[in-house]
Amino acid sequence: PLGGKALFGGQRFGEMEVWALEGYGAAYTLQEMLTVKSDDFTGRNKMYEHIIKGEFPNEPGVPESFKVLVKELQALALDVDLIKTAVPAVEGETPAEEKKGKTKKKVSKEK
């Protein structure tokens, strides 16, 4: 990520920290640290807007570091095609599915 607040730099996150969060099973925290808090510029701006408006944020986008990797591979005459597939959540549902109403929540009325 870019360094410094003046350059809108992201939060630095090392390899060992990534392993630690993987070990604890904190997938959503890890996703946030590696995208929005790192170098996903458009995602960070959208996240800020959603927080200010009190809305639930969208899924994070593609980090700039990945875009640079794709460009470097293309410079080596290697074509990269991104395939976007839905990955089911490990436990329960994702917050994006709750917002879109794809799943139904059970509501019990107890007296």
N, C-alpha and C. Protein backbone atom coordinates (compact mmCIF):
# COMPACT_ATOMS: atom_id res chain seq x y z
N PRO A 1 0.83 -1.21 0.00
CA PRO A 1 0.00 0.00 0.00
C PRO A 1 0.86 1.26 0.00
N LEU A 2 0.27 2.34 -0.46
CA LEU A 2 0.97 3.62 -0.44
C LEU A 2 1.24 4.02 0.99
N GLY A 3 2.32 4.74 1.20
CA GLY A 3 2.68 5.14 2.56
C GLY A 3 2.21 6.54 2.88
N GLY A 4 1.79 6.73 4.10
CA GLY A 4 1.45 8.05 4.59
C GLY A 4 0.01 8.46 4.38
N LYS A 5 -0.46 9.27 5.33
CA LYS A 5 -1.83 9.74 5.27
C LYS A 5 -2.04 10.72 4.12
N ALA A 6 -1.01 11.52 3.80
CA ALA A 6 -1.13 12.51 2.73
C ALA A 6 -1.36 11.85 1.37
N LEU A 7 -0.85 10.63 1.18
CA LEU A 7 -1.03 9.91 -0.08
C LEU A 7 -2.21 8.94 -0.02
N PHE A 8 -3.03 9.06 1.03
CA PHE A 8 -4.16 8.16 1.26
C PHE A 8 -3.67 6.71 1.32
N GLY A 9 -2.58 6.52 2.02
CA GLY A 9 -1.97 5.19 2.14
C GLY A 9 -2.83 4.24 2.95
N GLY A 10 -2.67 2.97 2.67
CA GLY A 10 -3.42 1.94 3.37
C GLY A 10 -2.70 1.47 4.62
N GLN A 11 -3.35 0.59 5.35
CA GLN A 11 -2.78 0.03 6.57
C GLN A 11 -1.87 -1.13 6.21
N ARG A 12 -0.65 -1.10 6.74
CA ARG A 12 0.33 -2.14 6.43
C ARG A 12 -0.04 -3.41 7.19
N PHE A 13 0.06 -4.54 6.49
CA PHE A 13 -0.32 -5.82 7.09
C PHE A 13 0.66 -6.86 6.58
N GLY A 14 1.44 -7.44 7.47
CA GLY A 14 2.49 -8.36 7.09
C GLY A 14 2.02 -9.78 6.88
N GLU A 15 2.94 -10.60 6.39
CA GLU A 15 2.63 -12.00 6.08
C GLU A 15 2.28 -12.79 7.34
N MET A 16 3.00 -12.53 8.43
CA MET A 16 2.73 -13.27 9.66
C MET A 16 1.37 -12.90 10.24
N GLU A 17 0.97 -11.64 10.09
CA GLU A 17 -0.36 -11.22 10.54
C GLU A 17 -1.45 -11.91 9.73
N VAL A 18 -1.20 -12.07 8.44
CA VAL A 18 -2.15 -12.79 7.58
C VAL A 18 -2.30 -14.22 8.06
N TRP A 19 -1.18 -14.87 8.36
CA TRP A 19 -1.22 -16.25 8.85
C TRP A 19 -1.98 -16.35 10.17
N ALA A 20 -1.77 -15.37 11.05
CA ALA A 20 -2.45 -15.38 12.35
C ALA A 20 -3.96 -15.28 12.17
N LEU A 21 -4.41 -14.38 11.30
CA LEU A 21 -5.86 -14.25 11.08
C LEU A 21 -6.42 -15.48 10.39
N GLU A 22 -5.64 -16.10 9.49
CA GLU A 22 -6.08 -17.35 8.87
C GLU A 22 -6.26 -18.42 9.94
N GLY A 23 -5.32 -18.47 10.87
CA GLY A 23 -5.39 -19.46 11.94
C GLY A 23 -6.61 -19.29 12.83
N TYR A 24 -7.03 -18.05 13.04
CA TYR A 24 -8.21 -17.80 13.86
C TYR A 24 -9.50 -17.90 13.06
N GLY A 25 -9.41 -18.05 11.76
CA GLY A 25 -10.60 -18.18 10.93
C GLY A 25 -11.33 -16.87 10.72
N ALA A 26 -10.61 -15.77 10.77
CA ALA A 26 -11.22 -14.45 10.61
C ALA A 26 -11.19 -14.04 9.15
N ALA A 27 -11.98 -14.71 8.33
CA ALA A 27 -11.94 -14.51 6.88
C ALA A 27 -12.37 -13.10 6.47
N TYR A 28 -13.43 -12.58 7.06
CA TYR A 28 -13.92 -11.27 6.66
C TYR A 28 -12.98 -10.15 7.09
N THR A 29 -12.39 -10.30 8.27
CA THR A 29 -11.40 -9.32 8.73
C THR A 29 -10.19 -9.34 7.81
N LEU A 30 -9.75 -10.53 7.44
CA LEU A 30 -8.61 -10.67 6.55
C LEU A 30 -8.92 -10.07 5.18
N GLN A 31 -10.12 -10.30 4.68
CA GLN A 31 -10.51 -9.74 3.38
C GLN A 31 -10.50 -8.21 3.44
N GLU A 32 -10.99 -7.65 4.53
CA GLU A 32 -11.01 -6.20 4.68
C GLU A 32 -9.59 -5.64 4.75
N MET A 33 -8.71 -6.31 5.49
CA MET A 33 -7.33 -5.83 5.64
C MET A 33 -6.57 -5.89 4.32
N LEU A 34 -6.84 -6.89 3.49
CA LEU A 34 -6.08 -7.06 2.25
C LEU A 34 -6.69 -6.31 1.07
N THR A 35 -7.87 -5.73 1.24
CA THR A 35 -8.48 -4.99 0.13
C THR A 35 -8.74 -3.55 0.53
N VAL A 36 -9.80 -3.31 1.25
CA VAL A 36 -10.24 -1.94 1.54
C VAL A 36 -9.21 -1.17 2.36
N LYS A 37 -8.64 -1.80 3.38
CA LYS A 37 -7.66 -1.10 4.21
C LYS A 37 -6.27 -1.11 3.61
N SER A 38 -6.07 -1.79 2.50
CA SER A 38 -4.75 -1.85 1.88
C SER A 38 -4.67 -0.90 0.69
N ASP A 39 -5.04 -1.38 -0.49
CA ASP A 39 -4.88 -0.53 -1.68
C ASP A 39 -6.04 -0.61 -2.66
N ASP A 40 -7.22 -0.92 -2.18
CA ASP A 40 -8.42 -0.88 -3.02
C ASP A 40 -9.00 0.54 -2.92
N PHE A 41 -8.50 1.44 -3.79
CA PHE A 41 -8.83 2.85 -3.68
C PHE A 41 -10.32 3.12 -3.85
N THR A 42 -10.91 2.57 -4.89
CA THR A 42 -12.34 2.81 -5.13
C THR A 42 -13.18 2.17 -4.03
N GLY A 43 -12.79 0.98 -3.59
CA GLY A 43 -13.52 0.31 -2.52
C GLY A 43 -13.46 1.08 -1.22
N ARG A 44 -12.31 1.69 -0.94
CA ARG A 44 -12.16 2.48 0.29
C ARG A 44 -13.07 3.70 0.26
N ASN A 45 -13.14 4.37 -0.89
CA ASN A 45 -14.02 5.54 -1.01
C ASN A 45 -15.49 5.14 -0.88
N LYS A 46 -15.86 4.02 -1.52
CA LYS A 46 -17.24 3.55 -1.41
C LYS A 46 -17.57 3.14 0.02
N MET A 47 -16.62 2.50 0.70
CA MET A 47 -16.82 2.09 2.08
C MET A 47 -17.06 3.31 2.96
N TYR A 48 -16.27 4.36 2.75
CA TYR A 48 -16.43 5.60 3.51
C TYR A 48 -17.81 6.20 3.29
N GLU A 49 -18.26 6.24 2.04
CA GLU A 49 -19.59 6.78 1.73
C GLU A 49 -20.69 5.98 2.41
N HIS A 50 -20.57 4.65 2.39
CA HIS A 50 -21.59 3.81 3.02
C HIS A 50 -21.61 4.00 4.53
N ILE A 51 -20.45 4.16 5.14
CA ILE A 51 -20.40 4.38 6.59
C ILE A 51 -21.05 5.70 6.95
N ILE A 52 -20.76 6.76 6.18
CA ILE A 52 -21.34 8.08 6.44
C ILE A 52 -22.85 8.05 6.28
N LYS A 53 -23.34 7.34 5.27
CA LYS A 53 -24.78 7.28 5.00
C LYS A 53 -25.50 6.27 5.89
N GLY A 54 -24.76 5.47 6.64
CA GLY A 54 -25.37 4.47 7.51
C GLY A 54 -25.85 3.25 6.75
N GLU A 55 -25.29 3.01 5.58
CA GLU A 55 -25.68 1.86 4.77
C GLU A 55 -24.70 0.72 4.98
N PHE A 56 -25.13 -0.47 4.57
CA PHE A 56 -24.24 -1.62 4.66
C PHE A 56 -23.30 -1.60 3.45
N PRO A 57 -21.99 -1.75 3.67
CA PRO A 57 -21.03 -1.65 2.55
C PRO A 57 -21.13 -2.81 1.58
N ASN A 58 -20.76 -2.55 0.33
CA ASN A 58 -20.71 -3.58 -0.70
C ASN A 58 -19.49 -4.46 -0.52
N GLU A 59 -19.39 -5.46 -1.36
CA GLU A 59 -18.21 -6.33 -1.34
C GLU A 59 -16.99 -5.54 -1.80
N PRO A 60 -15.83 -5.80 -1.23
CA PRO A 60 -14.62 -5.08 -1.65
C PRO A 60 -14.23 -5.43 -3.08
N GLY A 61 -13.53 -4.51 -3.72
CA GLY A 61 -13.11 -4.71 -5.10
C GLY A 61 -11.74 -5.37 -5.19
N VAL A 62 -11.13 -5.22 -6.34
CA VAL A 62 -9.82 -5.82 -6.61
C VAL A 62 -8.73 -4.85 -6.17
N PRO A 63 -7.77 -5.30 -5.36
CA PRO A 63 -6.69 -4.41 -4.92
C PRO A 63 -5.79 -3.99 -6.08
N GLU A 64 -5.18 -2.83 -5.94
CA GLU A 64 -4.28 -2.32 -6.97
C GLU A 64 -3.08 -3.23 -7.16
N SER A 65 -2.62 -3.85 -6.08
CA SER A 65 -1.45 -4.74 -6.20
C SER A 65 -1.76 -5.93 -7.11
N PHE A 66 -3.00 -6.42 -7.09
CA PHE A 66 -3.37 -7.51 -7.99
C PHE A 66 -3.43 -7.02 -9.43
N LYS A 67 -3.92 -5.81 -9.63
CA LYS A 67 -3.96 -5.24 -10.98
C LYS A 67 -2.55 -5.08 -11.54
N VAL A 68 -1.60 -4.68 -10.68
CA VAL A 68 -0.20 -4.56 -11.11
C VAL A 68 0.35 -5.93 -11.49
N LEU A 69 0.02 -6.96 -10.69
CA LEU A 69 0.47 -8.32 -11.00
C LEU A 69 -0.06 -8.77 -12.36
N VAL A 70 -1.33 -8.50 -12.64
CA VAL A 70 -1.92 -8.88 -13.92
C VAL A 70 -1.19 -8.17 -15.07
N LYS A 71 -0.89 -6.89 -14.90
CA LYS A 71 -0.18 -6.14 -15.95
C LYS A 71 1.22 -6.69 -16.17
N GLU A 72 1.90 -7.09 -15.09
CA GLU A 72 3.24 -7.68 -15.23
C GLU A 72 3.18 -9.01 -15.96
N LEU A 73 2.16 -9.82 -15.67
CA LEU A 73 2.00 -11.09 -16.37
C LEU A 73 1.67 -10.87 -17.84
N GLN A 74 0.86 -9.85 -18.13
CA GLN A 74 0.54 -9.54 -19.52
C GLN A 74 1.78 -9.06 -20.26
N ALA A 75 2.69 -8.38 -19.57
CA ALA A 75 3.94 -7.95 -20.19
C ALA A 75 4.82 -9.14 -20.56
N LEU A 76 4.62 -10.26 -19.86
CA LEU A 76 5.35 -11.49 -20.17
C LEU A 76 4.59 -12.36 -21.16
N ALA A 77 3.58 -11.79 -21.80
CA ALA A 77 2.74 -12.49 -22.79
C ALA A 77 1.91 -13.60 -22.17
N LEU A 78 1.53 -13.43 -20.90
CA LEU A 78 0.64 -14.38 -20.23
C LEU A 78 -0.71 -13.69 -20.04
N ASP A 79 -1.75 -14.29 -20.60
CA ASP A 79 -3.08 -13.71 -20.49
C ASP A 79 -3.75 -14.22 -19.22
N VAL A 80 -4.37 -13.31 -18.49
CA VAL A 80 -5.04 -13.66 -17.24
C VAL A 80 -6.51 -13.34 -17.39
N ASP A 81 -7.37 -14.34 -17.23
CA ASP A 81 -8.81 -14.15 -17.24
C ASP A 81 -9.34 -14.39 -15.84
N LEU A 82 -10.06 -13.42 -15.31
CA LEU A 82 -10.62 -13.55 -13.97
C LEU A 82 -11.98 -14.22 -14.07
N ILE A 83 -12.18 -15.24 -13.27
CA ILE A 83 -13.45 -15.94 -13.22
C ILE A 83 -14.05 -15.68 -11.85
N LYS A 84 -15.21 -15.06 -11.85
CA LYS A 84 -15.85 -14.72 -10.59
C LYS A 84 -16.89 -15.78 -10.26
N THR A 85 -16.68 -16.49 -9.19
CA THR A 85 -17.62 -17.52 -8.75
C THR A 85 -18.08 -17.21 -7.35
N ALA A 86 -19.27 -17.63 -7.05
CA ALA A 86 -19.80 -17.45 -5.71
C ALA A 86 -19.26 -18.55 -4.80
N VAL A 87 -18.73 -18.12 -3.67
CA VAL A 87 -18.21 -19.07 -2.69
C VAL A 87 -19.16 -19.07 -1.51
N PRO A 88 -19.72 -20.22 -1.14
CA PRO A 88 -20.64 -20.24 -0.01
C PRO A 88 -19.93 -19.94 1.29
N ALA A 89 -20.63 -19.30 2.19
CA ALA A 89 -20.07 -18.96 3.49
C ALA A 89 -19.86 -20.23 4.31
N VAL A 90 -18.85 -20.20 5.15
CA VAL A 90 -18.54 -21.37 5.98
C VAL A 90 -19.58 -21.53 7.07
N GLU A 91 -19.87 -20.45 7.78
CA GLU A 91 -20.86 -20.49 8.84
C GLU A 91 -21.92 -19.43 8.57
N GLY A 92 -23.15 -19.84 8.42
CA GLY A 92 -24.24 -18.90 8.23
C GLY A 92 -24.20 -18.25 6.86
N GLU A 93 -24.69 -17.01 6.81
CA GLU A 93 -24.75 -16.30 5.55
C GLU A 93 -23.88 -15.05 5.60
N THR A 94 -23.54 -14.55 4.44
CA THR A 94 -22.74 -13.34 4.39
C THR A 94 -23.64 -12.14 4.60
N PRO A 95 -23.11 -11.04 5.12
CA PRO A 95 -23.93 -9.84 5.31
C PRO A 95 -24.54 -9.32 4.02
N ALA A 96 -23.86 -9.50 2.88
CA ALA A 96 -24.41 -9.03 1.60
C ALA A 96 -25.67 -9.80 1.25
N GLU A 97 -25.72 -11.10 1.58
CA GLU A 97 -26.92 -11.89 1.30
C GLU A 97 -28.07 -11.45 2.19
N GLU A 98 -27.77 -11.09 3.44
CA GLU A 98 -28.81 -10.61 4.34
C GLU A 98 -29.45 -9.35 3.77
N LYS A 99 -28.61 -8.44 3.29
CA LYS A 99 -29.10 -7.16 2.77
C LYS A 99 -29.97 -7.37 1.55
N LYS A 100 -29.55 -8.26 0.66
CA LYS A 100 -30.28 -8.47 -0.58
C LYS A 100 -31.54 -9.31 -0.36
N GLY A 101 -31.67 -9.93 0.81
CA GLY A 101 -32.85 -10.72 1.09
C GLY A 101 -32.87 -12.06 0.40
N LYS A 102 -31.70 -12.61 0.10
CA LYS A 102 -31.64 -13.90 -0.57
C LYS A 102 -32.00 -15.05 0.36
N THR A 103 -31.81 -14.83 1.64
CA THR A 103 -32.12 -15.89 2.59
C THR A 103 -33.17 -15.38 3.56
N LYS A 104 -33.90 -16.32 4.12
CA LYS A 104 -34.94 -15.96 5.06
C LYS A 104 -34.47 -16.26 6.47
N LYS A 105 -34.77 -15.36 7.37
CA LYS A 105 -34.42 -15.57 8.77
C LYS A 105 -35.65 -16.10 9.49
N LYS A 106 -35.40 -17.03 10.39
CA LYS A 106 -36.50 -17.57 11.18
C LYS A 106 -36.74 -16.65 12.37
N VAL A 107 -37.98 -16.25 12.53
CA VAL A 107 -38.34 -15.39 13.64
C VAL A 107 -39.30 -16.16 14.52
N SER A 108 -38.93 -16.33 15.76
CA SER A 108 -39.80 -17.06 16.69
C SER A 108 -40.41 -16.07 17.65
N LYS A 109 -41.70 -16.23 17.89
CA LYS A 109 -42.40 -15.37 18.83
C LYS A 109 -42.58 -16.12 20.13
N GLU A 110 -41.82 -15.70 21.11
CA GLU A 110 -41.92 -16.33 22.43
C GLU A 110 -42.55 -15.36 23.39
N LYS A 111 -43.38 -15.91 24.28
CA LYS A 111 -44.06 -15.06 25.27
C LYS A 111 -43.47 -15.24 26.63
